[in-house]
Protein backbone atom coordinates (compact mmCIF):
# COMPACT_ATOMS: atom_id res chain seq x y z
CA UNK A 1 46.28 115.27 44.86
CA UNK A 2 46.72 114.45 41.14
CA UNK A 3 48.21 117.90 40.53
CA UNK A 4 50.67 117.49 43.38
CA UNK A 5 51.69 114.03 42.15
CA UNK A 6 52.23 115.35 38.60
CA UNK A 7 54.38 118.19 39.90
CA UNK A 8 56.49 115.77 41.94
CA UNK A 9 57.03 113.51 38.88
CA UNK A 10 57.99 116.48 36.72
CA UNK A 11 60.46 117.67 39.35
CA UNK A 12 62.01 114.19 39.58
CA UNK A 13 62.39 114.03 35.81
CA UNK A 14 64.05 117.43 35.73
CA UNK A 15 66.53 116.41 38.42
CA UNK A 16 67.38 112.87 37.33
CA UNK A 17 66.23 112.56 33.71
CA UNK A 18 63.39 110.25 32.77
CA UNK A 19 63.92 107.16 30.65
CA UNK A 20 64.10 108.01 26.96
CA UNK A 21 64.55 111.74 27.71
CA UNK A 22 68.35 111.91 28.10
CA UNK A 23 70.32 114.60 26.28
CA UNK A 24 71.84 113.58 22.94
CA UNK A 25 75.44 112.35 23.05
CA UNK A 26 77.93 115.04 22.07
CA UNK A 27 80.62 114.79 19.42
CA UNK A 28 83.84 113.53 21.03
CA UNK A 29 87.18 112.21 19.79
CA UNK A 30 89.66 109.44 20.58
CA UNK A 31 93.05 108.69 18.99
CA UNK A 32 94.50 106.00 16.76
CA UNK A 33 98.24 105.89 17.46
CA UNK A 34 100.99 104.23 15.42
CA UNK A 35 104.75 104.29 16.06
CA UNK A 36 106.53 102.08 13.54
CA UNK A 37 110.08 101.89 12.19
CA UNK A 38 110.60 99.91 9.00
CA UNK A 39 114.20 98.85 8.33
CA UNK A 40 115.25 99.05 4.69
CA UNK A 41 117.40 95.90 4.99
CA UNK A 42 118.85 93.52 7.57
CA UNK A 43 122.08 95.49 8.07
CA UNK A 44 122.77 96.62 11.63
CA UNK A 45 122.97 100.26 10.54
CA UNK A 46 120.13 100.01 8.02
CA UNK A 47 118.21 103.20 7.21
CA UNK A 48 114.61 103.20 8.43
CA UNK A 49 111.27 104.66 7.52
CA UNK A 50 110.00 106.20 10.76
CA UNK A 51 106.20 106.59 10.88
CA UNK A 52 104.45 108.26 13.81
CA UNK A 53 100.70 108.83 13.60
CA UNK A 54 98.24 110.21 16.13
CA UNK A 55 94.91 110.49 14.31
CA UNK A 56 91.81 111.55 16.21
CA UNK A 57 88.52 109.99 15.15
CA UNK A 58 84.92 110.72 16.13
CA UNK A 59 83.81 108.50 19.00
CA UNK A 60 80.88 110.33 20.58
CA UNK A 61 77.68 111.46 18.90
CA UNK A 62 75.23 109.45 16.82
CA UNK A 63 76.35 106.72 14.43
CA UNK A 64 75.48 108.91 11.43
CA UNK A 65 77.45 111.83 12.87
CA UNK A 66 80.49 109.66 13.51
CA UNK A 67 80.43 108.36 9.94
CA UNK A 68 80.14 111.85 8.45
CA UNK A 69 83.05 113.17 10.53
CA UNK A 70 85.33 110.15 10.08
CA UNK A 71 84.69 110.01 6.33
CA UNK A 72 85.72 113.67 6.08
CA UNK A 73 88.90 113.04 8.10
CA UNK A 74 89.82 110.00 6.00
CA UNK A 75 89.35 111.95 2.78
CA UNK A 76 91.36 114.94 4.03
CA UNK A 77 94.36 113.02 5.37
CA UNK A 78 94.53 109.95 3.16
CA UNK A 79 92.48 110.96 0.11
CA UNK A 80 90.33 107.85 0.58
CA UNK A 81 86.56 107.70 0.40
CA UNK A 82 84.08 105.30 1.99
CA UNK A 83 86.91 103.62 3.88
CA UNK A 84 86.96 103.04 7.65
CA UNK A 85 89.43 105.44 9.26
CA UNK A 86 91.27 102.71 11.17
CA UNK A 87 91.59 100.73 7.94
CA UNK A 88 92.91 103.85 6.20
CA UNK A 89 95.62 104.27 8.84
CA UNK A 90 96.66 100.61 8.45
CA UNK A 91 96.66 100.98 4.67
CA UNK A 92 98.86 104.09 4.88
CA UNK A 93 101.46 102.33 7.04
CA UNK A 94 101.46 99.10 5.01
CA UNK A 95 101.61 100.75 1.60
CA UNK A 96 104.35 103.17 2.61
CA UNK A 97 106.39 100.32 4.10
CA UNK A 98 106.01 98.26 0.93
CA UNK A 99 106.85 101.15 -1.39
CA UNK A 100 109.86 102.18 0.72
CA UNK A 101 111.49 98.76 0.52
CA UNK A 102 110.58 98.05 -3.11
CA UNK A 103 111.68 101.44 -4.45
CA UNK A 104 114.62 102.32 -2.23
CA UNK A 105 116.37 98.99 -1.52
CA UNK A 106 117.83 98.54 -5.04
CA UNK A 107 119.18 102.11 -4.94
CA UNK A 108 120.53 101.68 -1.43
CA UNK A 109 122.51 98.59 -2.41
CA UNK A 110 124.37 100.73 -4.94
CA UNK A 111 124.86 103.72 -2.62
CA UNK A 112 125.42 102.10 0.79
CA UNK A 113 129.16 102.79 0.70
CA UNK A 114 128.61 106.48 0.00
CA UNK A 115 128.10 108.07 3.43
CA UNK A 116 126.99 111.37 1.93
CA UNK A 117 123.97 109.71 0.33
CA UNK A 118 122.73 107.97 3.47
CA UNK A 119 120.40 110.79 4.69
CA UNK A 120 118.22 110.43 1.60
CA UNK A 121 117.28 106.90 2.71
CA UNK A 122 116.12 107.94 6.18
CA UNK A 123 112.44 108.54 5.47
CA UNK A 124 109.92 109.97 7.90
CA UNK A 125 106.15 110.47 8.09
CA UNK A 126 104.51 112.26 11.00
CA UNK A 127 100.79 112.96 11.34
CA UNK A 128 99.48 114.65 14.47
CA UNK A 129 95.90 115.81 14.92
CA UNK A 130 94.06 117.86 17.53
CA UNK A 131 90.69 119.53 18.00
CA UNK A 132 89.78 122.98 19.29
CA UNK A 133 86.49 124.73 19.93
CA UNK A 134 86.02 127.67 17.59
CA UNK A 135 83.05 129.80 16.62
CA UNK A 136 79.93 128.86 18.57
CA UNK A 137 78.72 125.40 17.60
CA UNK A 138 81.88 124.55 15.65
CA UNK A 139 84.93 122.42 16.42
CA UNK A 140 88.06 122.74 14.29
CA UNK A 141 90.10 119.63 13.48
CA UNK A 142 93.82 120.37 12.92
CA UNK A 143 96.10 118.04 10.95
CA UNK A 144 99.87 118.60 11.18
CA UNK A 145 101.68 116.52 8.56
CA UNK A 146 105.39 116.13 7.89
CA UNK A 147 106.81 113.92 5.17
CA UNK A 148 110.39 113.30 4.09
CA UNK A 149 111.13 110.81 1.31
CA UNK A 150 114.54 112.04 0.18
CA UNK A 151 115.47 115.30 -1.49
CA UNK A 152 116.61 118.63 -0.14
CA UNK A 153 114.03 118.85 2.65
CA UNK A 154 110.80 117.43 3.97
CA UNK A 155 107.38 118.99 3.51
CA UNK A 156 105.31 120.20 6.45
CA UNK A 157 101.61 120.99 6.05
CA UNK A 158 98.80 122.17 8.28
CA UNK A 159 95.33 121.09 7.15
CA UNK A 160 92.00 121.87 8.80
CA UNK A 161 88.36 120.84 8.91
CA UNK A 162 85.54 122.71 10.64
CA UNK A 163 82.73 120.50 11.96
CA UNK A 164 79.23 121.43 13.07
CA UNK A 165 79.00 119.98 16.58
CA UNK A 166 75.35 119.01 16.27
CA UNK A 167 75.38 117.34 12.83
CA UNK A 168 79.03 116.51 12.08
CA UNK A 169 78.76 118.37 8.77
CA UNK A 170 81.94 119.91 7.40
CA UNK A 171 81.44 123.67 7.22
CA UNK A 172 82.60 125.29 3.97
CA UNK A 173 82.99 128.97 3.10
CA UNK A 174 79.84 128.71 0.98
CA UNK A 175 77.96 127.74 4.15
CA UNK A 176 78.90 130.88 6.06
CA UNK A 177 79.30 133.51 3.35
CA UNK A 178 76.81 135.21 1.03
CA UNK A 179 76.55 134.44 -2.67
CA UNK A 180 79.24 136.23 -4.68
CA UNK A 181 81.61 136.67 -1.72
CA UNK A 182 84.73 135.51 -3.58
CA UNK A 183 85.89 138.79 -5.12
CA UNK A 184 85.56 140.80 -1.91
CA UNK A 185 87.18 138.06 0.15
CA UNK A 186 90.13 137.93 -2.24
CA UNK A 187 90.57 141.68 -1.84
CA UNK A 188 90.55 141.40 1.96
CA UNK A 189 93.03 138.54 1.90
CA UNK A 190 95.39 140.37 -0.44
CA UNK A 191 95.25 143.43 1.82
CA UNK A 192 96.08 141.23 4.82
CA UNK A 193 98.99 139.69 2.89
CA UNK A 194 100.32 143.13 1.97
CA UNK A 195 100.32 144.09 5.65
CA UNK A 196 101.90 140.82 6.78
CA UNK A 197 104.67 140.99 4.16
CA UNK A 198 105.15 144.75 4.71
CA UNK A 199 104.52 145.52 1.05
CA UNK A 200 102.87 148.54 -0.56
CA UNK A 201 101.43 146.85 -3.64
CA UNK A 202 101.22 143.66 -5.66
CA UNK A 203 104.53 144.40 -7.40
CA UNK A 204 106.36 144.39 -4.08
CA UNK A 205 104.66 141.12 -3.20
CA UNK A 206 105.91 139.64 -6.47
CA UNK A 207 109.41 140.93 -5.77
CA UNK A 208 109.40 139.06 -2.45
CA UNK A 209 108.07 135.88 -4.05
CA UNK A 210 104.39 136.07 -3.06
CA UNK A 211 101.65 135.35 -5.63
CA UNK A 212 104.30 135.18 -8.32
CA UNK A 213 102.31 133.02 -10.74
CA UNK A 214 98.80 133.12 -9.28
CA UNK A 215 95.99 135.36 -8.10
CA UNK A 216 94.96 135.64 -4.45
CA UNK A 217 92.41 133.03 -3.39
CA UNK A 218 90.85 131.79 -0.12
CA UNK A 219 92.55 128.66 1.15
CA UNK A 220 90.41 125.57 1.69
CA UNK A 221 92.33 125.20 4.97
CA UNK A 222 90.77 127.76 7.27
CA UNK A 223 89.75 128.06 10.91
CA UNK A 224 86.38 129.41 12.00
CA UNK A 225 87.73 130.79 15.27
CA UNK A 226 86.01 132.57 18.11
CA UNK A 227 86.89 136.06 16.89
CA UNK A 228 87.72 135.64 13.21
CA UNK A 229 88.61 133.36 10.30
CA UNK A 230 92.23 132.31 9.76
CA UNK A 231 93.25 131.19 6.26
CA UNK A 232 96.26 128.87 6.12
CA UNK A 233 98.59 128.67 3.12
CA UNK A 234 101.19 125.90 3.20
CA UNK A 235 104.63 126.16 1.54
CA UNK A 236 104.49 126.51 -2.27
CA UNK A 237 100.80 127.52 -2.28
CA UNK A 238 101.18 131.31 -2.55
CA UNK A 239 104.91 131.67 -1.89
CA UNK A 240 108.19 129.73 -2.14
CA UNK A 241 109.16 127.10 0.42
CA UNK A 242 111.64 129.47 2.07
CA UNK A 243 108.84 131.81 3.16
CA UNK A 244 107.18 129.02 5.11
CA UNK A 245 103.55 128.66 6.08
CA UNK A 246 101.47 131.84 5.84
CA UNK A 247 98.43 132.50 8.01
CA UNK A 248 96.07 135.40 7.29
CA UNK A 249 93.44 136.23 9.91
CA UNK A 250 90.37 138.34 9.17
CA UNK A 251 88.15 139.46 12.04
CA UNK A 252 84.42 138.82 11.92
CA UNK A 253 83.85 142.57 11.95
CA UNK A 254 85.93 142.86 8.77
CA UNK A 255 84.06 139.95 7.18
CA UNK A 256 80.60 141.03 8.33
CA UNK A 257 79.48 142.49 4.93
CA UNK A 258 80.03 139.12 3.21
CA UNK A 259 78.98 136.74 5.98
CA UNK A 260 75.53 135.22 6.22
CA UNK A 261 73.35 136.32 9.08
CA UNK A 262 71.88 133.67 11.40
CA UNK A 263 68.50 133.66 9.63
CA UNK A 264 70.20 133.13 6.27
CA UNK A 265 72.12 130.14 7.66
CA UNK A 266 68.88 128.55 8.78
């Protein structure tokens, strides 16, 4: 009878979950959204600073995991450390509003009759974020940023973070690649760039504007995808603005000689 009772209890626990035995909460995200227009002055046709933000923050998971993830997001987007992400968003909006009016209003009062100069006073900041499952156990956090504060054009950037789903830790290249990987990785990336730019050698790359004053290097913005690693280079990083954002993808089979095996990761 005792054996039968024990089996019945075990079966009930398996089906419904016993108290204190529930599965750990998974990492999940919600959004902080801001849509604010700051008028430069009280004129009816005043220029504005248009700020649109949609910033995802860690909501699920343990408290420690949420803090690790949100601290990494705050540092990546706003270059702030040990600051609550919601407070960082508020600080970004308030400081940009204050700077816009203080710096631009005196200039605008002098230029307001010059129609050709008006576009330089229409400022814009857009931050959109999203998440995507990548390599097993990893979620990639994408940050699309656009900023225009006068000048010939705005600047668009794509930034990334790769999070371990179970710990919230930000995964770096050092975490997934063997010691001394840098030289070989640079060679693979340069080969991929040659193919993408349809160039035969480094001289042709230079002629087209790539790597003109720098050596090839692995971008800190990369995606640990399901079938390979994509390295993202924003305008001005390895090429002029006119050549846009450059993405170089290397398959895991190509990277296998310099990637850690599962036992090494443990």
